[in-house]
Amino acid sequence: MFRRTVIVEVQVRDNNVDQALRALKKKMQREGLYREMRMRRHYEKPSERRAREKAEAIRRYRKLMRKRAERDEV
């Protein structure tokens, strides 16, 4: 299994650290780093990981089908 290396950088302009921090948080959210950190807090057994990934795939598929049904309905 390969590891994905994500480097997130933001520029601090005019000593505005608050704005840079907001930009950093937004980028981390978009990259999925918060979710990954939450997942890595505890060890997840391979069987649990497979079950979670299968459930996520089912949720994604159902959401896609709902969107298609809405689109076709209108």
C-alpha atoms as a PDB file:
ATOM      1  CA  MET A   1       0.000   0.000   0.000  1.00  0.00           C
ATOM      2  CA  PHE A   2       1.368   3.404  -0.893  1.00  0.00           C
ATOM      3  CA  ARG A   3       1.304   6.494   1.267  1.00  0.00           C
ATOM      4  CA  ARG A   4       0.017   9.717  -0.156  1.00  0.00           C
ATOM      5  CA  THR A   5       2.159  12.708   0.761  1.00  0.00           C
ATOM      6  CA  VAL A   6       0.227  15.914   0.944  1.00  0.00           C
ATOM      7  CA  ILE A   7       2.001  19.199   1.472  1.00  0.00           C
ATOM      8  CA  VAL A   8      -0.297  22.070   2.321  1.00  0.00           C
ATOM      9  CA  GLU A   9       1.162  25.564   2.215  1.00  0.00           C
ATOM     10  CA  VAL A  10      -0.341  28.984   2.697  1.00  0.00           C
ATOM     11  CA  GLN A  11       1.214  32.407   2.382  1.00  0.00           C
ATOM     12  CA  VAL A  12       0.971  34.898   5.258  1.00  0.00           C
ATOM     13  CA  ARG A  13       0.332  38.269   3.684  1.00  0.00           C
ATOM     14  CA  ASP A  14       0.651  41.578   5.539  1.00  0.00           C
ATOM     15  CA  ASN A  15       1.237  39.727   8.844  1.00  0.00           C
ATOM     16  CA  ASN A  16      -2.396  38.560   8.718  1.00  0.00           C
ATOM     17  CA  VAL A  17      -2.033  35.221  10.472  1.00  0.00           C
ATOM     18  CA  ASP A  18      -5.783  34.801  11.055  1.00  0.00           C
ATOM     19  CA  GLN A  19      -6.499  34.905   7.340  1.00  0.00           C
ATOM     20  CA  ALA A  20      -3.668  32.447   6.640  1.00  0.00           C
ATOM     21  CA  LEU A  21      -4.973  30.108   9.332  1.00  0.00           C
ATOM     22  CA  ARG A  22      -8.467  30.142   7.802  1.00  0.00           C
ATOM     23  CA  ALA A  23      -6.966  29.359   4.391  1.00  0.00           C
ATOM     24  CA  LEU A  24      -4.915  26.519   5.896  1.00  0.00           C
ATOM     25  CA  LYS A  25      -7.958  24.984   7.584  1.00  0.00           C
ATOM     26  CA  LYS A  26      -9.946  25.196   4.348  1.00  0.00           C
ATOM     27  CA  LYS A  27      -7.163  23.492   2.374  1.00  0.00           C
ATOM     28  CA  MET A  28      -6.784  20.760   4.991  1.00  0.00           C
ATOM     29  CA  GLN A  29     -10.539  20.149   4.908  1.00  0.00           C
ATOM     30  CA  ARG A  30     -10.504  19.925   1.115  1.00  0.00           C
ATOM     31  CA  GLU A  31      -7.569  17.474   1.127  1.00  0.00           C
ATOM     32  CA  GLY A  32      -9.314  15.259   3.682  1.00  0.00           C
ATOM     33  CA  LEU A  33      -6.563  15.583   6.281  1.00  0.00           C
ATOM     34  CA  TYR A  34      -8.945  16.114   9.202  1.00  0.00           C
ATOM     35  CA  ARG A  35     -10.767  12.910   8.341  1.00  0.00           C
ATOM     36  CA  GLU A  36      -7.518  11.005   7.973  1.00  0.00           C
ATOM     37  CA  MET A  37      -6.209  12.267  11.325  1.00  0.00           C
ATOM     38  CA  ARG A  38      -9.445  11.193  12.996  1.00  0.00           C
ATOM     39  CA  MET A  39      -9.172   7.736  11.403  1.00  0.00           C
ATOM     40  CA  ARG A  40      -5.557   7.297  12.548  1.00  0.00           C
ATOM     41  CA  ARG A  41      -6.245   8.058  16.212  1.00  0.00           C
ATOM     42  CA  HIS A  42      -7.021   4.391  16.816  1.00  0.00           C
ATOM     43  CA  TYR A  43      -5.968   1.209  15.064  1.00  0.00           C
ATOM     44  CA  GLU A  44      -8.584  -0.138  12.706  1.00  0.00           C
ATOM     45  CA  LYS A  45      -8.614  -3.863  12.084  1.00  0.00           C
ATOM     46  CA  PRO A  46      -8.536  -4.869   8.401  1.00  0.00           C
ATOM     47  CA  SER A  47     -11.987  -6.463   8.691  1.00  0.00           C
ATOM     48  CA  GLU A  48     -13.376  -3.236  10.200  1.00  0.00           C
ATOM     49  CA  ARG A  49     -11.732  -1.226   7.443  1.00  0.00           C
ATOM     50  CA  ARG A  50     -13.300  -3.391   4.735  1.00  0.00           C
ATOM     51  CA  ALA A  51     -16.722  -3.119   6.374  1.00  0.00           C
ATOM     52  CA  ARG A  52     -16.394   0.677   6.676  1.00  0.00           C
ATOM     53  CA  GLU A  53     -15.249   1.078   3.072  1.00  0.00           C
ATOM     54  CA  LYS A  54     -18.083  -1.142   1.833  1.00  0.00           C
ATOM     55  CA  ALA A  55     -20.627   0.886   3.814  1.00  0.00           C
ATOM     56  CA  GLU A  56     -19.152   4.132   2.431  1.00  0.00           C
ATOM     57  CA  ALA A  57     -19.389   2.775  -1.113  1.00  0.00           C
ATOM     58  CA  ILE A  58     -23.027   1.812  -0.562  1.00  0.00           C
ATOM     59  CA  ARG A  59     -23.794   5.308   0.790  1.00  0.00           C
ATOM     60  CA  ARG A  60     -22.089   6.941  -2.209  1.00  0.00           C
ATOM     61  CA  TYR A  61     -24.005   4.710  -4.622  1.00  0.00           C
ATOM     62  CA  ARG A  62     -27.358   5.423  -2.959  1.00  0.00           C
ATOM     63  CA  LYS A  63     -26.654   9.148  -2.986  1.00  0.00           C
ATOM     64  CA  LEU A  64     -25.810   8.957  -6.701  1.00  0.00           C
ATOM     65  CA  MET A  65     -29.030   7.050  -7.406  1.00  0.00           C
ATOM     66  CA  ARG A  66     -31.055   9.649  -5.450  1.00  0.00           C
ATOM     67  CA  LYS A  67     -29.497  12.461  -7.453  1.00  0.00           C
ATOM     68  CA  ARG A  68     -30.165  10.651 -10.732  1.00  0.00           C
ATOM     69  CA  ALA A  69     -33.776   9.994  -9.694  1.00  0.00           C
ATOM     70  CA  GLU A  70     -34.234  13.687  -8.829  1.00  0.00           C
ATOM     71  CA  ARG A  71     -32.741  14.742 -12.152  1.00  0.00           C
ATOM     72  CA  ASP A  72     -34.923  12.322 -14.134  1.00  0.00           C
ATOM     73  CA  GLU A  73     -38.031  13.244 -12.133  1.00  0.00           C
ATOM     74  CA  VAL A  74     -37.921  16.938 -13.048  1.00  0.00           C
END
